[in-house]
Amino acid sequence: MIYENMPMMIFILAAGYLFTVYLLLALAKRTGKKISSKNDSVAVTEHQSERNLRASVTEVVNSQ
């Protein structure tokens, strides 16, 4: 009959589905780390710029 191999087909499809989900989650995790590290470096640069600006403003105010 045609339905004799059906349990094996279900197992193969389920395993393929789980493997695909695992790969997509691993890819999302890896991409998320890259984006967050870029955002962290941008935040540090912005913070450094803000500190430099505050120091300049403080110098100007104190010199008057």
PDB file of N, CA and C in Angstrom:
ATOM      1  N   MET A   1       0.828  -1.190   0.000  1.00  0.00           N
ATOM      2  CA  MET A   1       0.000   0.000   0.000  1.00  0.00           C
ATOM      3  C   MET A   1       0.874   1.257   0.000  1.00  0.00           C
ATOM      4  N   ILE A   2       0.270   2.356  -0.303  1.00  0.00           N
ATOM      5  CA  ILE A   2       0.990   3.624  -0.387  1.00  0.00           C
ATOM      6  C   ILE A   2       1.265   4.206   0.996  1.00  0.00           C
ATOM      7  N   TYR A   3       0.494   3.790   2.012  1.00  0.00           N
ATOM      8  CA  TYR A   3       0.625   4.368   3.351  1.00  0.00           C
ATOM      9  C   TYR A   3       1.606   3.616   4.242  1.00  0.00           C
ATOM     10  N   GLU A   4       2.292   2.608   3.721  1.00  0.00           N
ATOM     11  CA  GLU A   4       3.219   1.828   4.542  1.00  0.00           C
ATOM     12  C   GLU A   4       4.413   2.668   5.003  1.00  0.00           C
ATOM     13  N   ASN A   5       4.905   3.559   4.173  1.00  0.00           N
ATOM     14  CA  ASN A   5       6.074   4.363   4.499  1.00  0.00           C
ATOM     15  C   ASN A   5       5.724   5.717   5.110  1.00  0.00           C
ATOM     16  N   MET A   6       4.473   5.948   5.424  1.00  0.00           N
ATOM     17  CA  MET A   6       4.034   7.240   5.934  1.00  0.00           C
ATOM     18  C   MET A   6       4.673   7.602   7.285  1.00  0.00           C
ATOM     19  N   PRO A   7       4.783   6.707   8.267  1.00  0.00           N
ATOM     20  CA  PRO A   7       5.431   7.103   9.537  1.00  0.00           C
ATOM     21  C   PRO A   7       6.877   7.552   9.338  1.00  0.00           C
ATOM     22  N   MET A   8       7.599   6.920   8.437  1.00  0.00           N
ATOM     23  CA  MET A   8       8.975   7.313   8.172  1.00  0.00           C
ATOM     24  C   MET A   8       9.011   8.693   7.495  1.00  0.00           C
ATOM     25  N   MET A   9       8.085   8.961   6.616  1.00  0.00           N
ATOM     26  CA  MET A   9       8.021  10.255   5.945  1.00  0.00           C
ATOM     27  C   MET A   9       7.723  11.363   6.954  1.00  0.00           C
ATOM     28  N   ILE A  10       6.834  11.114   7.894  1.00  0.00           N
ATOM     29  CA  ILE A  10       6.519  12.105   8.928  1.00  0.00           C
ATOM     30  C   ILE A  10       7.759  12.399   9.759  1.00  0.00           C
ATOM     31  N   PHE A  11       8.495  11.354  10.129  1.00  0.00           N
ATOM     32  CA  PHE A  11       9.716  11.537  10.907  1.00  0.00           C
ATOM     33  C   PHE A  11      10.740  12.372  10.138  1.00  0.00           C
ATOM     34  N   ILE A  12      10.921  12.075   8.860  1.00  0.00           N
ATOM     35  CA  ILE A  12      11.897  12.808   8.043  1.00  0.00           C
ATOM     36  C   ILE A  12      11.494  14.277   7.903  1.00  0.00           C
ATOM     37  N   LEU A  13      10.227  14.534   7.654  1.00  0.00           N
ATOM     38  CA  LEU A  13       9.759  15.921   7.525  1.00  0.00           C
ATOM     39  C   LEU A  13       9.889  16.685   8.849  1.00  0.00           C
ATOM     40  N   ALA A  14       9.567  16.033   9.958  1.00  0.00           N
ATOM     41  CA  ALA A  14       9.682  16.689  11.265  1.00  0.00           C
ATOM     42  C   ALA A  14      11.142  16.998  11.587  1.00  0.00           C
ATOM     43  N   ALA A  15      12.031  16.065  11.290  1.00  0.00           N
ATOM     44  CA  ALA A  15      13.452  16.298  11.547  1.00  0.00           C
ATOM     45  C   ALA A  15      13.974  17.444  10.683  1.00  0.00           C
ATOM     46  N   GLY A  16      13.570  17.501   9.430  1.00  0.00           N
ATOM     47  CA  GLY A  16      13.972  18.597   8.543  1.00  0.00           C
ATOM     48  C   GLY A  16      13.458  19.937   9.039  1.00  0.00           C
ATOM     49  N   TYR A  17      12.224  19.958   9.518  1.00  0.00           N
ATOM     50  CA  TYR A  17      11.646  21.181  10.049  1.00  0.00           C
ATOM     51  C   TYR A  17      12.420  21.665  11.275  1.00  0.00           C
ATOM     52  N   LEU A  18      12.704  20.756  12.214  1.00  0.00           N
ATOM     53  CA  LEU A  18      13.439  21.131  13.419  1.00  0.00           C
ATOM     54  C   LEU A  18      14.847  21.607  13.093  1.00  0.00           C
ATOM     55  N   PHE A  19      15.494  20.964  12.150  1.00  0.00           N
ATOM     56  CA  PHE A  19      16.841  21.372  11.736  1.00  0.00           C
ATOM     57  C   PHE A  19      16.815  22.765  11.119  1.00  0.00           C
ATOM     58  N   THR A  20      15.810  23.045  10.304  1.00  0.00           N
ATOM     59  CA  THR A  20      15.682  24.363   9.676  1.00  0.00           C
ATOM     60  C   THR A  20      15.454  25.447  10.731  1.00  0.00           C
ATOM     61  N   VAL A  21      14.587  25.175  11.688  1.00  0.00           N
ATOM     62  CA  VAL A  21      14.331  26.140  12.762  1.00  0.00           C
ATOM     63  C   VAL A  21      15.605  26.392  13.564  1.00  0.00           C
ATOM     64  N   TYR A  22      16.348  25.327  13.849  1.00  0.00           N
ATOM     65  CA  TYR A  22      17.606  25.456  14.588  1.00  0.00           C
ATOM     66  C   TYR A  22      18.587  26.345  13.824  1.00  0.00           C
ATOM     67  N   LEU A  23      18.721  26.120  12.523  1.00  0.00           N
ATOM     68  CA  LEU A  23      19.642  26.935  11.724  1.00  0.00           C
ATOM     69  C   LEU A  23      19.209  28.396  11.682  1.00  0.00           C
ATOM     70  N   LEU A  24      17.916  28.635  11.538  1.00  0.00           N
ATOM     71  CA  LEU A  24      17.434  30.022  11.501  1.00  0.00           C
ATOM     72  C   LEU A  24      17.645  30.730  12.836  1.00  0.00           C
ATOM     73  N   LEU A  25      17.434  30.023  13.939  1.00  0.00           N
ATOM     74  CA  LEU A  25      17.678  30.630  15.248  1.00  0.00           C
ATOM     75  C   LEU A  25      19.157  30.936  15.451  1.00  0.00           C
ATOM     76  N   ALA A  26      20.028  30.039  15.007  1.00  0.00           N
ATOM     77  CA  ALA A  26      21.466  30.281  15.127  1.00  0.00           C
ATOM     78  C   ALA A  26      21.880  31.489  14.290  1.00  0.00           C
ATOM     79  N   LEU A  27      21.312  31.605  13.101  1.00  0.00           N
ATOM     80  CA  LEU A  27      21.614  32.743  12.233  1.00  0.00           C
ATOM     81  C   LEU A  27      21.120  34.050  12.852  1.00  0.00           C
ATOM     82  N   ALA A  28      19.922  34.027  13.419  1.00  0.00           N
ATOM     83  CA  ALA A  28      19.375  35.235  14.054  1.00  0.00           C
ATOM     84  C   ALA A  28      20.221  35.641  15.258  1.00  0.00           C
ATOM     85  N   LYS A  29      20.675  34.678  16.031  1.00  0.00           N
ATOM     86  CA  LYS A  29      21.502  34.981  17.194  1.00  0.00           C
ATOM     87  C   LYS A  29      22.824  35.604  16.765  1.00  0.00           C
ATOM     88  N   ARG A  30      23.423  35.052  15.735  1.00  0.00           N
ATOM     89  CA  ARG A  30      24.702  35.562  15.235  1.00  0.00           C
ATOM     90  C   ARG A  30      24.549  36.966  14.672  1.00  0.00           C
ATOM     91  N   THR A  31      23.485  37.199  13.922  1.00  0.00           N
ATOM     92  CA  THR A  31      23.235  38.520  13.344  1.00  0.00           C
ATOM     93  C   THR A  31      22.950  39.533  14.445  1.00  0.00           C
ATOM     94  N   GLY A  32      22.215  39.135  15.464  1.00  0.00           N
ATOM     95  CA  GLY A  32      21.913  40.024  16.579  1.00  0.00           C
ATOM     96  C   GLY A  32      23.165  40.467  17.309  1.00  0.00           C
ATOM     97  N   LYS A  33      24.136  39.581  17.458  1.00  0.00           N
ATOM     98  CA  LYS A  33      25.387  39.952  18.120  1.00  0.00           C
ATOM     99  C   LYS A  33      26.155  40.971  17.298  1.00  0.00           C
ATOM    100  N   LYS A  34      26.171  40.817  15.988  1.00  0.00           N
ATOM    101  CA  LYS A  34      26.886  41.762  15.131  1.00  0.00           C
ATOM    102  C   LYS A  34      26.247  43.145  15.202  1.00  0.00           C
ATOM    103  N   ILE A  35      24.930  43.182  15.169  1.00  0.00           N
ATOM    104  CA  ILE A  35      24.232  44.468  15.202  1.00  0.00           C
ATOM    105  C   ILE A  35      24.441  45.148  16.549  1.00  0.00           C
ATOM    106  N   SER A  36      24.357  44.379  17.645  1.00  0.00           N
ATOM    107  CA  SER A  36      24.506  44.999  18.960  1.00  0.00           C
ATOM    108  C   SER A  36      25.924  45.500  19.177  1.00  0.00           C
ATOM    109  N   SER A  37      26.923  44.810  18.630  1.00  0.00           N
ATOM    110  CA  SER A  37      28.291  45.298  18.795  1.00  0.00           C
ATOM    111  C   SER A  37      28.503  46.583  18.010  1.00  0.00           C
ATOM    112  N   LYS A  38      27.867  46.708  16.851  1.00  0.00           N
ATOM    113  CA  LYS A  38      27.951  47.951  16.084  1.00  0.00           C
ATOM    114  C   LYS A  38      27.255  49.080  16.831  1.00  0.00           C
ATOM    115  N   ASN A  39      26.093  48.785  17.413  1.00  0.00           N
ATOM    116  CA  ASN A  39      25.367  49.801  18.169  1.00  0.00           C
ATOM    117  C   ASN A  39      26.149  50.233  19.396  1.00  0.00           C
ATOM    118  N   ASP A  40      26.837  49.305  20.045  1.00  0.00           N
ATOM    119  CA  ASP A  40      27.641  49.645  21.215  1.00  0.00           C
ATOM    120  C   ASP A  40      28.770  50.592  20.846  1.00  0.00           C
ATOM    121  N   SER A  41      29.438  50.334  19.717  1.00  0.00           N
ATOM    122  CA  SER A  41      30.542  51.206  19.319  1.00  0.00           C
ATOM    123  C   SER A  41      30.032  52.595  18.940  1.00  0.00           C
ATOM    124  N   VAL A  42      28.854  52.659  18.334  1.00  0.00           N
ATOM    125  CA  VAL A  42      28.264  53.955  17.990  1.00  0.00           C
ATOM    126  C   VAL A  42      27.901  54.705  19.267  1.00  0.00           C
ATOM    127  N   ALA A  43      27.358  54.000  20.253  1.00  0.00           N
ATOM    128  CA  ALA A  43      26.975  54.631  21.512  1.00  0.00           C
ATOM    129  C   ALA A  43      28.202  55.169  22.238  1.00  0.00           C
ATOM    130  N   VAL A  44      29.302  54.422  22.218  1.00  0.00           N
ATOM    131  CA  VAL A  44      30.529  54.876  22.871  1.00  0.00           C
ATOM    132  C   VAL A  44      31.051  56.125  22.173  1.00  0.00           C
ATOM    133  N   THR A  45      31.021  56.143  20.840  1.00  0.00           N
ATOM    134  CA  THR A  45      31.487  57.298  20.082  1.00  0.00           C
ATOM    135  C   THR A  45      30.619  58.518  20.378  1.00  0.00           C
ATOM    136  N   GLU A  46      29.305  58.325  20.425  1.00  0.00           N
ATOM    137  CA  GLU A  46      28.412  59.449  20.734  1.00  0.00           C
ATOM    138  C   GLU A  46      28.649  59.956  22.156  1.00  0.00           C
ATOM    139  N   HIS A  47      28.864  59.047  23.080  1.00  0.00           N
ATOM    140  CA  HIS A  47      29.114  59.445  24.471  1.00  0.00           C
ATOM    141  C   HIS A  47      30.424  60.232  24.571  1.00  0.00           C
ATOM    142  N   GLN A  48      31.441  59.782  23.851  1.00  0.00           N
ATOM    143  CA  GLN A  48      32.729  60.480  23.866  1.00  0.00           C
ATOM    144  C   GLN A  48      32.576  61.883  23.272  1.00  0.00           C
ATOM    145  N   SER A  49      31.816  62.003  22.190  1.00  0.00           N
ATOM    146  CA  SER A  49      31.587  63.314  21.576  1.00  0.00           C
ATOM    147  C   SER A  49      30.860  64.238  22.535  1.00  0.00           C
ATOM    148  N   GLU A  50      29.881  63.692  23.248  1.00  0.00           N
ATOM    149  CA  GLU A  50      29.132  64.499  24.201  1.00  0.00           C
ATOM    150  C   GLU A  50      30.032  64.968  25.345  1.00  0.00           C
ATOM    151  N   ARG A  51      30.917  64.106  25.815  1.00  0.00           N
ATOM    152  CA  ARG A  51      31.848  64.503  26.874  1.00  0.00           C
ATOM    153  C   ARG A  51      32.775  65.609  26.405  1.00  0.00           C
ATOM    154  N   ASN A  52      33.280  65.487  25.178  1.00  0.00           N
ATOM    155  CA  ASN A  52      34.163  66.521  24.639  1.00  0.00           C
ATOM    156  C   ASN A  52      33.432  67.852  24.509  1.00  0.00           C
ATOM    157  N   LEU A  53      32.186  67.797  24.063  1.00  0.00           N
ATOM    158  CA  LEU A  53      31.397  69.016  23.916  1.00  0.00           C
ATOM    159  C   LEU A  53      31.145  69.667  25.281  1.00  0.00           C
ATOM    160  N   ARG A  54      30.813  68.859  26.278  1.00  0.00           N
ATOM    161  CA  ARG A  54      30.575  69.409  27.612  1.00  0.00           C
ATOM    162  C   ARG A  54      31.838  70.040  28.187  1.00  0.00           C
ATOM    163  N   ALA A  55      32.968  69.407  27.954  1.00  0.00           N
ATOM    164  CA  ALA A  55      34.223  69.957  28.450  1.00  0.00           C
ATOM    165  C   ALA A  55      34.511  71.300  27.784  1.00  0.00           C
ATOM    166  N   SER A  56      34.243  71.399  26.479  1.00  0.00           N
ATOM    167  CA  SER A  56      34.475  72.658  25.763  1.00  0.00           C
ATOM    168  C   SER A  56      33.549  73.752  26.271  1.00  0.00           C
ATOM    169  N   VAL A  57      32.284  73.405  26.486  1.00  0.00           N
ATOM    170  CA  VAL A  57      31.319  74.388  26.975  1.00  0.00           C
ATOM    171  C   VAL A  57      31.714  74.843  28.377  1.00  0.00           C
ATOM    172  N   THR A  58      32.150  73.935  29.201  1.00  0.00           N
ATOM    173  CA  THR A  58      32.556  74.284  30.569  1.00  0.00           C
ATOM    174  C   THR A  58      33.754  75.202  30.542  1.00  0.00           C
ATOM    175  N   GLU A  59      34.706  74.952  29.657  1.00  0.00           N
ATOM    176  CA  GLU A  59      35.873  75.821  29.543  1.00  0.00           C
ATOM    177  C   GLU A  59      35.476  77.229  29.120  1.00  0.00           C
ATOM    178  N   VAL A  60      34.563  77.322  28.155  1.00  0.00           N
ATOM    179  CA  VAL A  60      34.134  78.633  27.675  1.00  0.00           C
ATOM    180  C   VAL A  60      33.411  79.384  28.779  1.00  0.00           C
ATOM    181  N   VAL A  61      32.540  78.709  29.509  1.00  0.00           N
ATOM    182  CA  VAL A  61      31.775  79.357  30.573  1.00  0.00           C
ATOM    183  C   VAL A  61      32.711  79.814  31.684  1.00  0.00           C
ATOM    184  N   ASN A  62      33.672  79.001  32.050  1.00  0.00           N
ATOM    185  CA  ASN A  62      34.594  79.337  33.146  1.00  0.00           C
ATOM    186  C   ASN A  62      35.548  80.453  32.753  1.00  0.00           C
ATOM    187  N   SER A  63      35.831  80.607  31.465  1.00  0.00           N
ATOM    188  CA  SER A  63      36.771  81.644  31.057  1.00  0.00           C
ATOM    189  C   SER A  63      36.140  83.031  31.027  1.00  0.00           C
ATOM    190  N   GLN A  64      34.844  83.115  31.104  1.00  0.00           N
ATOM    191  CA  GLN A  64      34.173  84.424  31.026  1.00  0.00           C
ATOM    192  C   GLN A  64      34.126  85.123  32.345  1.00  0.00           C
TER     193      GLN A  64
END
